[in-house]
Structures are given as C-alpha cells and as structure tokens.
Amino acid sequence: MRLVEKGASNHLCLAGRLLEKQPLRYTPSGLPIIEGRFTHHSEQWEAGVARQVECEISFLALGDTAHWMLAASYEANLVLSGFLAAKSRNRKTSVFHVQEVDFLEGQQNGTVFQEERG
C-alpha cells in the first residue's frame, strides 16, 4: 500500500519567533542561503481538548528569502511559509524550507532589505 502519492501536498505555515540565524553564505551555484532555528507557541484543539503546543524547528532559506531572514531581528515575530524536506540524502531529519516571510511587528525589518536592494 502506497501512503503518499506523487505530487502530495507539503506546505507548512508557522507563526513564531526567530531564535537564531547563522551568517549568510552562498551555495556553490552562487545562491544566498541562511539557516537557523524558529520557535512556535500556541494553543491547539485535539480530540476536543485544548493543549499547549511548543516546538522548535530548523529552517533554511534561499535566494531573496535568505535576505529577508537576514534582515529579521532576533526574537522577531514572523509567519513563515514553505515546505518540509530531509536535511540531506543521508540525514532524514526535517528542515523547514522557507519560501515566504511575513513580519508581524510592522515592516521595519523588511524595509532594511528593500532599501539595500533599492
């Protein structure tokens, strides 16, 4: 029995705070990349019972999204959207590949990036 069909949905949208980020670096093909950790806290309903949910997740962002993450301050409240993938072919640990960044506390962090990209 095949549980996952080709083309199955893999989309994650998570609100939380930026915990840490590594310095911006570049892939061998020249794409900017940044990695870090993100934390989420919320109340979710499961089986009719409210429960507190807390988790930390590793992320990476490529291209312009890497610059947006670089512009975000530590502890910034963000909504990240993207997908989950294995860290590498040999390490099956999940990593959140960020494709969109929304700043929840105004656009001051994003403005920095817009001015630099001018």
C-alpha atoms as a PDB file:
ATOM      1  CA  MET A   1       0.000   0.000   0.000  1.00  0.00           C
ATOM      2  CA  ARG A   2       1.373   3.391  -1.003  1.00  0.00           C
ATOM      3  CA  LEU A   3       0.620   6.077   1.601  1.00  0.00           C
ATOM      4  CA  VAL A   4       1.962   9.108  -0.253  1.00  0.00           C
ATOM      5  CA  GLU A   5       1.049   9.707  -3.844  1.00  0.00           C
ATOM      6  CA  LYS A   6       3.264  11.604  -6.258  1.00  0.00           C
ATOM      7  CA  GLY A   7       2.525  15.325  -6.029  1.00  0.00           C
ATOM      8  CA  ALA A   8       1.123  15.088  -2.482  1.00  0.00           C
ATOM      9  CA  SER A   9       0.765  18.381  -0.631  1.00  0.00           C
ATOM     10  CA  ASN A  10       3.684  19.580   1.518  1.00  0.00           C
ATOM     11  CA  HIS A  11       3.002  23.109   2.768  1.00  0.00           C
ATOM     12  CA  LEU A  12       3.768  24.496   6.199  1.00  0.00           C
ATOM     13  CA  CYS A  13       2.749  27.894   7.574  1.00  0.00           C
ATOM     14  CA  LEU A  14       4.003  28.636  11.073  1.00  0.00           C
ATOM     15  CA  ALA A  15       3.833  31.748  13.252  1.00  0.00           C
ATOM     16  CA  GLY A  16       6.520  32.233  15.856  1.00  0.00           C
ATOM     17  CA  ARG A  17       9.803  33.865  16.747  1.00  0.00           C
ATOM     18  CA  LEU A  18      13.272  33.780  15.259  1.00  0.00           C
ATOM     19  CA  LEU A  19      15.593  32.083  17.770  1.00  0.00           C
ATOM     20  CA  GLU A  20      18.888  32.064  15.921  1.00  0.00           C
ATOM     21  CA  LYS A  21      20.348  32.513  12.486  1.00  0.00           C
ATOM     22  CA  GLN A  22      23.728  31.708  11.041  1.00  0.00           C
ATOM     23  CA  PRO A  23      25.652  34.160   8.852  1.00  0.00           C
ATOM     24  CA  LEU A  24      24.566  34.437   5.237  1.00  0.00           C
ATOM     25  CA  ARG A  25      26.604  32.211   2.940  1.00  0.00           C
ATOM     26  CA  TYR A  26      26.408  31.165  -0.700  1.00  0.00           C
ATOM     27  CA  THR A  27      25.800  27.823  -2.380  1.00  0.00           C
ATOM     28  CA  PRO A  28      28.327  26.566  -4.967  1.00  0.00           C
ATOM     29  CA  SER A  29      25.962  27.905  -7.640  1.00  0.00           C
ATOM     30  CA  GLY A  30      26.004  31.374  -6.048  1.00  0.00           C
ATOM     31  CA  LEU A  31      22.596  31.415  -4.326  1.00  0.00           C
ATOM     32  CA  PRO A  32      22.451  33.132  -0.928  1.00  0.00           C
ATOM     33  CA  ILE A  33      21.451  30.758   1.871  1.00  0.00           C
ATOM     34  CA  ILE A  34      20.782  31.222   5.561  1.00  0.00           C
ATOM     35  CA  GLU A  35      19.977  28.641   8.224  1.00  0.00           C
ATOM     36  CA  GLY A  36      18.651  28.974  11.749  1.00  0.00           C
ATOM     37  CA  ARG A  37      16.041  27.967  14.315  1.00  0.00           C
ATOM     38  CA  PHE A  38      12.459  29.117  14.778  1.00  0.00           C
ATOM     39  CA  THR A  39      10.118  28.621  17.749  1.00  0.00           C
ATOM     40  CA  HIS A  40       6.330  28.304  17.852  1.00  0.00           C
ATOM     41  CA  HIS A  41       3.940  28.515  20.848  1.00  0.00           C
ATOM     42  CA  SER A  42       0.164  28.208  20.559  1.00  0.00           C
ATOM     43  CA  GLU A  43      -2.962  26.557  21.887  1.00  0.00           C
ATOM     44  CA  GLN A  44      -4.430  23.868  19.634  1.00  0.00           C
ATOM     45  CA  TRP A  45      -7.517  21.698  19.960  1.00  0.00           C
ATOM     46  CA  GLU A  46      -7.027  17.970  19.702  1.00  0.00           C
ATOM     47  CA  ALA A  47      -9.771  15.399  20.325  1.00  0.00           C
ATOM     48  CA  GLY A  48     -11.921  18.102  21.898  1.00  0.00           C
ATOM     49  CA  VAL A  49      -9.249  19.158  24.392  1.00  0.00           C
ATOM     50  CA  ALA A  50      -7.134  22.326  24.338  1.00  0.00           C
ATOM     51  CA  ARG A  51      -3.407  21.725  24.572  1.00  0.00           C
ATOM     52  CA  GLN A  52      -0.392  23.987  24.697  1.00  0.00           C
ATOM     53  CA  VAL A  53       1.916  23.419  21.749  1.00  0.00           C
ATOM     54  CA  GLU A  54       5.576  24.410  21.798  1.00  0.00           C
ATOM     55  CA  CYS A  55       8.175  23.406  19.250  1.00  0.00           C
ATOM     56  CA  GLU A  56      11.452  24.488  17.686  1.00  0.00           C
ATOM     57  CA  ILE A  57      12.289  23.810  14.084  1.00  0.00           C
ATOM     58  CA  SER A  58      15.388  24.253  11.954  1.00  0.00           C
ATOM     59  CA  PHE A  59      14.921  26.330   8.823  1.00  0.00           C
ATOM     60  CA  LEU A  60      16.806  27.311   5.714  1.00  0.00           C
ATOM     61  CA  ALA A  61      16.031  29.981   3.161  1.00  0.00           C
ATOM     62  CA  LEU A  62      17.488  30.513  -0.312  1.00  0.00           C
ATOM     63  CA  GLY A  63      17.669  33.482  -2.686  1.00  0.00           C
ATOM     64  CA  ASP A  64      15.754  36.654  -1.829  1.00  0.00           C
ATOM     65  CA  THR A  65      14.069  34.828   1.062  1.00  0.00           C
ATOM     66  CA  ALA A  66      17.516  34.384   2.635  1.00  0.00           C
ATOM     67  CA  HIS A  67      17.959  38.172   2.563  1.00  0.00           C
ATOM     68  CA  TRP A  68      14.553  38.651   4.231  1.00  0.00           C
ATOM     69  CA  MET A  69      15.564  36.263   7.013  1.00  0.00           C
ATOM     70  CA  LEU A  70      18.907  38.047   7.345  1.00  0.00           C
ATOM     71  CA  ALA A  71      17.017  41.361   7.783  1.00  0.00           C
ATOM     72  CA  ALA A  72      14.825  39.914  10.554  1.00  0.00           C
ATOM     73  CA  SER A  73      15.937  40.773  14.072  1.00  0.00           C
ATOM     74  CA  TYR A  74      16.390  38.129  16.741  1.00  0.00           C
ATOM     75  CA  GLU A  75      13.143  37.383  18.580  1.00  0.00           C
ATOM     76  CA  ALA A  76      11.201  38.935  15.657  1.00  0.00           C
ATOM     77  CA  ASN A  77       7.617  37.697  15.373  1.00  0.00           C
ATOM     78  CA  LEU A  78       7.227  36.178  11.924  1.00  0.00           C
ATOM     79  CA  VAL A  79       4.946  33.992   9.863  1.00  0.00           C
ATOM     80  CA  LEU A  80       6.996  31.616   7.728  1.00  0.00           C
ATOM     81  CA  SER A  81       5.595  29.625   4.806  1.00  0.00           C
ATOM     82  CA  GLY A  82       7.297  26.855   2.901  1.00  0.00           C
ATOM     83  CA  PHE A  83       7.743  23.082   2.936  1.00  0.00           C
ATOM     84  CA  LEU A  84       9.486  20.321   4.880  1.00  0.00           C
ATOM     85  CA  ALA A  85      12.344  18.284   3.441  1.00  0.00           C
ATOM     86  CA  ALA A  86      15.075  15.983   4.707  1.00  0.00           C
ATOM     87  CA  LYS A  87      18.286  17.748   5.752  1.00  0.00           C
ATOM     88  CA  SER A  88      20.241  15.680   3.238  1.00  0.00           C
ATOM     89  CA  ARG A  89      20.106  12.422   1.360  1.00  0.00           C
ATOM     90  CA  ASN A  90      21.685  10.640   4.330  1.00  0.00           C
ATOM     91  CA  ARG A  91      20.030  12.599   7.190  1.00  0.00           C
ATOM     92  CA  LYS A  92      16.267  12.301   7.267  1.00  0.00           C
ATOM     93  CA  THR A  93      15.808  14.976   9.965  1.00  0.00           C
ATOM     94  CA  SER A  94      13.209  17.501   8.751  1.00  0.00           C
ATOM     95  CA  VAL A  95      14.172  21.055   7.838  1.00  0.00           C
ATOM     96  CA  PHE A  96      11.669  23.841   7.131  1.00  0.00           C
ATOM     97  CA  HIS A  97      12.494  25.348   3.710  1.00  0.00           C
ATOM     98  CA  VAL A  98      11.173  28.907   3.989  1.00  0.00           C
ATOM     99  CA  GLN A  99       9.713  30.422   0.812  1.00  0.00           C
ATOM    100  CA  GLU A 100       7.825  33.409   2.283  1.00  0.00           C
ATOM    101  CA  VAL A 101       8.433  35.652   5.292  1.00  0.00           C
ATOM    102  CA  ASP A 102       5.781  37.914   6.824  1.00  0.00           C
ATOM    103  CA  PHE A 103       6.795  40.337   9.581  1.00  0.00           C
ATOM    104  CA  LEU A 104       4.135  40.587  12.309  1.00  0.00           C
ATOM    105  CA  GLU A 105       5.543  43.666  14.067  1.00  0.00           C
ATOM    106  CA  GLY A 106       5.480  46.206  11.268  1.00  0.00           C
ATOM    107  CA  GLN A 107       7.688  46.273   8.231  1.00  0.00           C
ATOM    108  CA  GLN A 108      10.794  47.921   9.706  1.00  0.00           C
ATOM    109  CA  ASN A 109      12.895  44.784   9.196  1.00  0.00           C
ATOM    110  CA  GLY A 110      11.680  44.306   5.642  1.00  0.00           C
ATOM    111  CA  THR A 111      12.311  47.968   4.861  1.00  0.00           C
ATOM    112  CA  VAL A 112      16.011  47.453   5.577  1.00  0.00           C
ATOM    113  CA  PHE A 113      16.150  44.773   2.892  1.00  0.00           C
ATOM    114  CA  GLN A 114      14.103  46.849   0.422  1.00  0.00           C
ATOM    115  CA  GLU A 115      16.444  49.821   0.829  1.00  0.00           C
ATOM    116  CA  GLU A 116      19.519  47.628   0.313  1.00  0.00           C
ATOM    117  CA  ARG A 117      18.029  46.016  -2.802  1.00  0.00           C
ATOM    118  CA  GLY A 118      16.850  49.508  -3.938  1.00  0.00           C
END
